[in-house]
Amino acid sequence: MGLPNINDINHKSIKELKEEIIITKRELLNLNIRQRTQQEIKPHLFKCTKRKLAQLLTLETKINKSQE
């Protein structure tokens, strides 16, 4: 899993974007739970997931501001 690219998600509708944000938040929560319970995880997944979430939220903000 490489670092996500904003161009991959740039052409989604607002509904798909919100669903993707929820899924990404859930993934981050699961990673945190697995880390707290000392299960094996790959640390780079935190960076990738957080970056993807930041990109999704930025894109959502950009779309919301353009609609106003």
N, C-alpha and C. Protein backbone atom coordinates (compact mmCIF):
# COMPACT_ATOMS: atom_id res chain seq x y z
N MET A 1 0.85 -1.18 0.00
CA MET A 1 0.00 0.00 0.00
C MET A 1 0.89 1.23 0.00
N GLY A 2 0.89 1.95 -1.11
CA GLY A 2 1.66 3.17 -1.20
C GLY A 2 0.88 4.33 -0.61
N LEU A 3 1.54 5.48 -0.57
CA LEU A 3 0.85 6.66 -0.09
C LEU A 3 -0.26 7.03 -1.06
N PRO A 4 -1.42 7.39 -0.54
CA PRO A 4 -2.53 7.72 -1.42
C PRO A 4 -2.28 9.02 -2.18
N ASN A 5 -2.86 9.13 -3.34
CA ASN A 5 -2.72 10.30 -4.17
C ASN A 5 -4.09 10.96 -4.30
N ILE A 6 -4.12 12.27 -4.16
CA ILE A 6 -5.39 12.99 -4.19
C ILE A 6 -6.07 12.87 -5.55
N ASN A 7 -5.30 12.64 -6.60
CA ASN A 7 -5.89 12.51 -7.93
C ASN A 7 -6.76 11.25 -8.04
N ASP A 8 -6.49 10.25 -7.20
CA ASP A 8 -7.28 9.03 -7.22
C ASP A 8 -8.70 9.25 -6.72
N ILE A 9 -8.87 10.22 -5.83
CA ILE A 9 -10.18 10.44 -5.20
C ILE A 9 -10.82 11.75 -5.63
N ASN A 10 -10.19 12.46 -6.54
CA ASN A 10 -10.63 13.80 -6.91
C ASN A 10 -11.95 13.82 -7.66
N HIS A 11 -12.34 12.74 -8.29
CA HIS A 11 -13.53 12.73 -9.14
C HIS A 11 -14.72 12.00 -8.51
N LYS A 12 -14.76 11.94 -7.19
CA LYS A 12 -15.87 11.27 -6.51
C LYS A 12 -16.96 12.27 -6.17
N SER A 13 -18.18 11.77 -6.06
CA SER A 13 -19.29 12.62 -5.65
C SER A 13 -19.19 12.87 -4.15
N ILE A 14 -19.96 13.83 -3.67
CA ILE A 14 -19.90 14.19 -2.25
C ILE A 14 -20.37 13.02 -1.38
N LYS A 15 -21.34 12.24 -1.87
CA LYS A 15 -21.83 11.09 -1.10
C LYS A 15 -20.74 10.02 -1.00
N GLU A 16 -20.08 9.72 -2.11
CA GLU A 16 -18.98 8.74 -2.10
C GLU A 16 -17.84 9.22 -1.22
N LEU A 17 -17.60 10.53 -1.23
CA LEU A 17 -16.53 11.11 -0.43
C LEU A 17 -16.81 10.93 1.06
N LYS A 18 -18.06 11.20 1.46
CA LYS A 18 -18.42 11.04 2.87
C LYS A 18 -18.32 9.57 3.31
N GLU A 19 -18.72 8.66 2.44
CA GLU A 19 -18.60 7.23 2.76
C GLU A 19 -17.13 6.84 2.91
N GLU A 20 -16.29 7.36 2.04
CA GLU A 20 -14.86 7.05 2.09
C GLU A 20 -14.24 7.61 3.37
N ILE A 21 -14.69 8.78 3.82
CA ILE A 21 -14.20 9.37 5.07
C ILE A 21 -14.56 8.47 6.25
N ILE A 22 -15.78 7.98 6.28
CA ILE A 22 -16.22 7.11 7.37
C ILE A 22 -15.40 5.82 7.38
N ILE A 23 -15.18 5.24 6.22
CA ILE A 23 -14.41 4.00 6.12
C ILE A 23 -12.98 4.23 6.59
N THR A 24 -12.39 5.35 6.21
CA THR A 24 -11.01 5.64 6.58
C THR A 24 -10.89 5.88 8.08
N LYS A 25 -11.86 6.58 8.67
CA LYS A 25 -11.85 6.78 10.12
C LYS A 25 -11.96 5.44 10.85
N ARG A 26 -12.79 4.55 10.32
CA ARG A 26 -12.94 3.23 10.92
C ARG A 26 -11.64 2.43 10.84
N GLU A 27 -10.95 2.53 9.69
CA GLU A 27 -9.66 1.85 9.53
C GLU A 27 -8.65 2.37 10.56
N LEU A 28 -8.62 3.69 10.76
CA LEU A 28 -7.69 4.27 11.71
C LEU A 28 -8.02 3.82 13.14
N LEU A 29 -9.30 3.75 13.46
CA LEU A 29 -9.71 3.27 14.77
C LEU A 29 -9.28 1.82 14.97
N ASN A 30 -9.48 0.98 13.95
CA ASN A 30 -9.08 -0.42 14.05
C ASN A 30 -7.58 -0.56 14.24
N LEU A 31 -6.81 0.28 13.55
CA LEU A 31 -5.35 0.25 13.72
C LEU A 31 -4.97 0.61 15.14
N ASN A 32 -5.63 1.64 15.69
CA ASN A 32 -5.34 2.04 17.07
C ASN A 32 -5.70 0.94 18.06
N ILE A 33 -6.82 0.29 17.85
CA ILE A 33 -7.24 -0.80 18.74
C ILE A 33 -6.25 -1.95 18.67
N ARG A 34 -5.83 -2.30 17.45
CA ARG A 34 -4.87 -3.39 17.30
C ARG A 34 -3.54 -3.05 17.95
N GLN A 35 -3.14 -1.78 17.90
CA GLN A 35 -1.88 -1.38 18.53
C GLN A 35 -2.01 -1.45 20.05
N ARG A 36 -3.13 -1.00 20.58
CA ARG A 36 -3.33 -0.99 22.03
C ARG A 36 -3.41 -2.41 22.60
N THR A 37 -3.91 -3.35 21.81
CA THR A 37 -4.01 -4.72 22.29
C THR A 37 -2.76 -5.53 21.94
N GLN A 38 -1.72 -4.84 21.49
CA GLN A 38 -0.41 -5.41 21.20
C GLN A 38 -0.45 -6.50 20.14
N GLN A 39 -1.33 -6.35 19.18
CA GLN A 39 -1.33 -7.24 18.04
C GLN A 39 -0.32 -6.71 17.04
N GLU A 40 0.12 -7.59 16.16
CA GLU A 40 1.09 -7.16 15.16
C GLU A 40 0.43 -6.25 14.14
N ILE A 41 1.06 -5.10 13.92
CA ILE A 41 0.58 -4.16 12.91
C ILE A 41 1.78 -3.64 12.14
N LYS A 42 1.51 -3.07 11.00
CA LYS A 42 2.56 -2.44 10.21
C LYS A 42 2.47 -0.93 10.48
N PRO A 43 3.51 -0.36 11.09
CA PRO A 43 3.44 1.05 11.50
C PRO A 43 3.21 2.03 10.35
N HIS A 44 3.64 1.69 9.15
CA HIS A 44 3.46 2.63 8.04
C HIS A 44 1.99 2.81 7.66
N LEU A 45 1.14 1.88 8.10
CA LEU A 45 -0.28 2.01 7.79
C LEU A 45 -0.91 3.21 8.50
N PHE A 46 -0.35 3.60 9.67
CA PHE A 46 -0.85 4.79 10.35
C PHE A 46 -0.63 6.02 9.48
N LYS A 47 0.57 6.14 8.95
CA LYS A 47 0.90 7.30 8.11
C LYS A 47 0.01 7.34 6.87
N CYS A 48 -0.13 6.22 6.21
CA CYS A 48 -0.94 6.16 4.99
C CYS A 48 -2.40 6.49 5.26
N THR A 49 -2.93 5.94 6.35
CA THR A 49 -4.34 6.15 6.67
C THR A 49 -4.61 7.59 7.08
N LYS A 50 -3.71 8.16 7.90
CA LYS A 50 -3.88 9.55 8.32
C LYS A 50 -3.78 10.50 7.14
N ARG A 51 -2.86 10.22 6.24
CA ARG A 51 -2.71 11.08 5.07
C ARG A 51 -3.94 10.99 4.17
N LYS A 52 -4.45 9.78 3.99
CA LYS A 52 -5.65 9.60 3.17
C LYS A 52 -6.83 10.35 3.78
N LEU A 53 -6.97 10.27 5.11
CA LEU A 53 -8.06 10.96 5.79
C LEU A 53 -7.92 12.47 5.63
N ALA A 54 -6.71 12.98 5.77
CA ALA A 54 -6.48 14.42 5.62
C ALA A 54 -6.82 14.87 4.20
N GLN A 55 -6.45 14.08 3.22
CA GLN A 55 -6.75 14.43 1.83
C GLN A 55 -8.26 14.42 1.58
N LEU A 56 -8.94 13.44 2.13
CA LEU A 56 -10.39 13.36 1.95
C LEU A 56 -11.09 14.55 2.60
N LEU A 57 -10.67 14.90 3.82
CA LEU A 57 -11.28 16.01 4.52
C LEU A 57 -10.99 17.34 3.81
N THR A 58 -9.79 17.48 3.28
CA THR A 58 -9.45 18.69 2.52
C THR A 58 -10.31 18.80 1.28
N LEU A 59 -10.47 17.71 0.59
CA LEU A 59 -11.30 17.71 -0.62
C LEU A 59 -12.75 18.02 -0.29
N GLU A 60 -13.24 17.47 0.82
CA GLU A 60 -14.62 17.74 1.24
C GLU A 60 -14.80 19.23 1.54
N THR A 61 -13.84 19.83 2.24
CA THR A 61 -13.90 21.25 2.55
C THR A 61 -13.88 22.09 1.28
N LYS A 62 -13.03 21.71 0.36
CA LYS A 62 -12.92 22.43 -0.91
C LYS A 62 -14.24 22.39 -1.68
N ILE A 63 -14.88 21.23 -1.71
CA ILE A 63 -16.16 21.09 -2.41
C ILE A 63 -17.25 21.90 -1.72
N ASN A 64 -17.28 21.84 -0.38
CA ASN A 64 -18.30 22.58 0.37
C ASN A 64 -18.16 24.09 0.17
N LYS A 65 -16.93 24.58 0.15
CA LYS A 65 -16.72 26.02 -0.04
C LYS A 65 -17.09 26.46 -1.45
N SER A 66 -16.86 25.59 -2.42
CA SER A 66 -17.18 25.96 -3.80
C SER A 66 -18.69 25.96 -4.05
N GLN A 67 -19.44 25.22 -3.25
CA GLN A 67 -20.89 25.17 -3.40
C GLN A 67 -21.58 26.37 -2.76
N GLU A 68 -20.89 27.05 -1.86
CA GLU A 68 -21.51 28.19 -1.16
C GLU A 68 -21.54 29.43 -2.00
